[in-house]
Amino acid sequence: MRVDFYQLGQGGAEGALPLIARNTLKLGERLLVVSADADLTQRLSQALWALKDSFLAHGLAGGPHDARQPVLLADVPDATNGARYIAMADGRWLDEALEYERAFLLFDNASIDDARGVWRSLGSHAGLERNFWRQEDGRWIKAA
């Protein structure tokens, strides 16, 4: 299992999630995006449709075609689309993420202390790989 921590900078979750979703789909995987913030979910949906060179097909959980969605936006960690990858876009860690193959925790400066706590708590899990990413000059770099 792998957990990637993304410290958001410019663009917030709306800037980071489309890149994560695109890379997930390139790997042939599906993505579940979880946020308890309905406004953020709507902004994420708009960001997925508004990519410059293409758009990323997705749906909101609760629709008739959830199982067919390559990217599903939801308020609970229930992957009715069969996703093995989960992104927690609102900065809140969900223990259910440990049931997925890969998890992404997107957090901003307001939730950095919580993210650090999650990082420390996951350090004791056998077989779990943690990675920390931050933006530098508009690019994502892996922090040491």
Protein backbone atom coordinates (compact mmCIF):
# COMPACT_ATOMS: atom_id res chain seq x y z
CA MET A 1 0.00 0.00 0.00
CA ARG A 2 1.21 3.48 -0.82
CA VAL A 3 0.13 6.83 0.62
CA ASP A 4 1.11 10.07 -1.10
CA PHE A 5 0.84 13.30 0.87
CA TYR A 6 0.35 16.42 -1.26
CA GLN A 7 0.95 19.76 0.43
CA LEU A 8 -1.19 22.09 -1.64
CA GLY A 9 0.08 25.42 -2.79
CA GLN A 10 -1.13 27.48 -5.71
CA GLY A 11 -4.32 26.16 -7.23
CA GLY A 12 -5.35 24.14 -4.19
CA ALA A 13 -6.99 20.75 -4.62
CA GLU A 14 -8.55 21.97 -7.86
CA GLY A 15 -5.08 22.28 -9.37
CA ALA A 16 -3.63 19.04 -8.00
CA LEU A 17 -6.49 16.58 -8.40
CA PRO A 18 -6.76 16.65 -12.22
CA LEU A 19 -3.06 15.71 -12.46
CA ILE A 20 -3.50 12.87 -9.98
CA ALA A 21 -6.63 11.67 -11.78
CA ARG A 22 -4.97 11.80 -15.19
CA ASN A 23 -1.97 9.81 -13.98
CA THR A 24 -4.23 7.30 -12.26
CA LEU A 25 -6.18 6.71 -15.46
CA LYS A 26 -2.93 6.36 -17.44
CA LEU A 27 -2.08 3.46 -15.12
CA GLY A 28 -5.39 1.81 -16.01
CA GLU A 29 -6.82 2.44 -12.55
CA ARG A 30 -9.98 4.11 -11.30
CA LEU A 31 -10.08 6.84 -8.68
CA LEU A 32 -12.47 7.62 -5.86
CA VAL A 33 -12.26 11.25 -4.71
CA VAL A 34 -13.69 11.90 -1.26
CA SER A 35 -14.59 15.28 0.21
CA ALA A 36 -17.08 16.16 2.91
CA ASP A 37 -17.12 19.72 1.53
CA ALA A 38 -19.86 19.92 -1.14
CA ASP A 39 -18.51 23.23 -2.51
CA LEU A 40 -15.05 21.70 -2.95
CA THR A 41 -16.59 18.69 -4.70
CA GLN A 42 -18.29 21.00 -7.20
CA ARG A 43 -15.05 22.91 -7.81
CA LEU A 44 -13.21 19.63 -8.34
CA SER A 45 -15.84 18.51 -10.83
CA GLN A 46 -15.46 21.76 -12.75
CA ALA A 47 -11.66 21.41 -12.71
CA LEU A 48 -11.87 17.88 -14.16
CA TRP A 49 -14.04 19.13 -17.03
CA ALA A 50 -11.98 22.26 -17.70
CA LEU A 51 -8.53 20.87 -18.50
CA LYS A 52 -6.85 22.75 -21.36
CA ASP A 53 -6.03 19.84 -23.63
CA SER A 54 -8.85 17.46 -22.69
CA PHE A 55 -11.28 16.65 -19.94
CA LEU A 56 -11.48 13.80 -17.46
CA ALA A 57 -14.74 11.91 -17.49
CA HIS A 58 -16.16 11.57 -14.01
CA GLY A 59 -19.37 11.52 -12.05
CA LEU A 60 -20.86 12.40 -8.71
CA ALA A 61 -21.68 9.48 -6.41
CA GLY A 62 -25.33 8.59 -6.26
CA GLY A 63 -25.89 8.69 -10.00
CA PRO A 64 -27.24 5.82 -12.05
CA HIS A 65 -23.88 5.05 -13.66
CA ASP A 66 -21.50 5.13 -10.68
CA ALA A 67 -19.99 1.76 -11.54
CA ARG A 68 -18.91 3.04 -14.98
CA GLN A 69 -17.16 6.19 -13.77
CA PRO A 70 -13.36 6.21 -14.10
CA VAL A 71 -13.28 9.01 -11.50
CA LEU A 72 -16.04 9.17 -8.91
CA LEU A 73 -16.55 12.14 -6.58
CA ALA A 74 -18.16 11.22 -3.26
CA ASP A 75 -18.61 12.33 0.32
CA VAL A 76 -17.92 8.86 1.76
CA PRO A 77 -15.19 6.31 0.98
CA ASP A 78 -17.43 3.84 -0.88
CA ALA A 79 -15.90 2.95 -4.24
CA THR A 80 -18.98 1.96 -6.17
CA ASN A 81 -16.86 2.47 -9.31
CA GLY A 82 -14.45 -0.29 -8.26
CA ALA A 83 -11.59 2.14 -7.60
CA ARG A 84 -8.44 0.85 -5.95
CA TYR A 85 -7.06 4.40 -5.63
CA ILE A 86 -8.56 6.99 -3.28
CA ALA A 87 -7.92 10.73 -2.96
CA MET A 88 -8.96 12.59 0.17
CA ALA A 89 -9.31 16.04 -1.34
CA ASP A 90 -10.50 17.93 1.74
CA GLY A 91 -7.40 17.20 3.85
CA ARG A 92 -9.17 14.78 6.19
CA TRP A 93 -7.57 11.35 6.55
CA LEU A 94 -9.98 8.41 6.44
CA ASP A 95 -8.86 5.09 7.91
CA GLU A 96 -10.85 3.33 5.17
CA ALA A 97 -8.11 4.53 2.80
CA LEU A 98 -5.93 1.71 4.15
CA GLU A 99 -8.22 -0.73 2.30
CA TYR A 100 -7.15 0.75 -1.06
CA GLU A 101 -4.01 0.02 -3.04
CA ARG A 102 -2.99 3.68 -3.14
CA ALA A 103 -4.16 6.78 -1.29
CA PHE A 104 -3.61 10.48 -1.83
CA LEU A 105 -4.03 12.95 1.03
CA LEU A 106 -4.31 16.52 -0.24
CA PHE A 107 -3.87 19.11 2.48
CA ASP A 108 -3.24 22.83 2.81
CA ASN A 109 -1.46 24.91 5.43
CA ALA A 110 -4.56 24.94 7.63
CA SER A 111 -4.46 21.15 7.99
CA ILE A 112 -0.69 20.59 7.96
CA ASP A 113 -0.55 19.57 11.62
CA ASP A 114 -3.20 16.91 11.03
CA ALA A 115 -1.28 15.63 7.99
CA ARG A 116 1.91 15.40 10.04
CA GLY A 117 0.03 13.37 12.65
CA VAL A 118 -1.22 10.99 9.97
CA TRP A 119 2.32 10.69 8.56
CA ARG A 120 3.64 9.71 11.99
CA SER A 121 0.83 7.26 12.71
CA LEU A 122 1.25 5.49 9.36
CA GLY A 123 4.97 5.04 9.98
CA SER A 124 4.28 1.98 12.12
CA HIS A 125 2.26 0.14 9.43
CA ALA A 126 4.22 -2.73 7.91
CA GLY A 127 4.36 -2.75 4.13
CA LEU A 128 3.14 0.83 3.79
CA GLU A 129 5.12 3.27 1.66
CA ARG A 130 4.77 6.99 2.36
CA ASN A 131 5.71 9.82 0.00
CA PHE A 132 5.55 13.55 0.55
CA TRP A 133 5.06 15.97 -2.35
CA ARG A 134 5.12 19.76 -2.39
CA GLN A 135 4.93 22.41 -5.06
CA GLU A 136 8.02 24.34 -5.99
CA ASP A 137 7.91 26.87 -8.83
CA GLY A 138 4.63 25.36 -10.01
CA ARG A 139 6.02 21.80 -10.20
CA TRP A 140 5.44 18.90 -7.86
CA ILE A 141 8.63 17.60 -6.28
CA LYS A 142 9.14 14.68 -3.96
CA ALA A 143 10.44 15.90 -0.63
CA ALA A 144 13.10 13.97 1.21
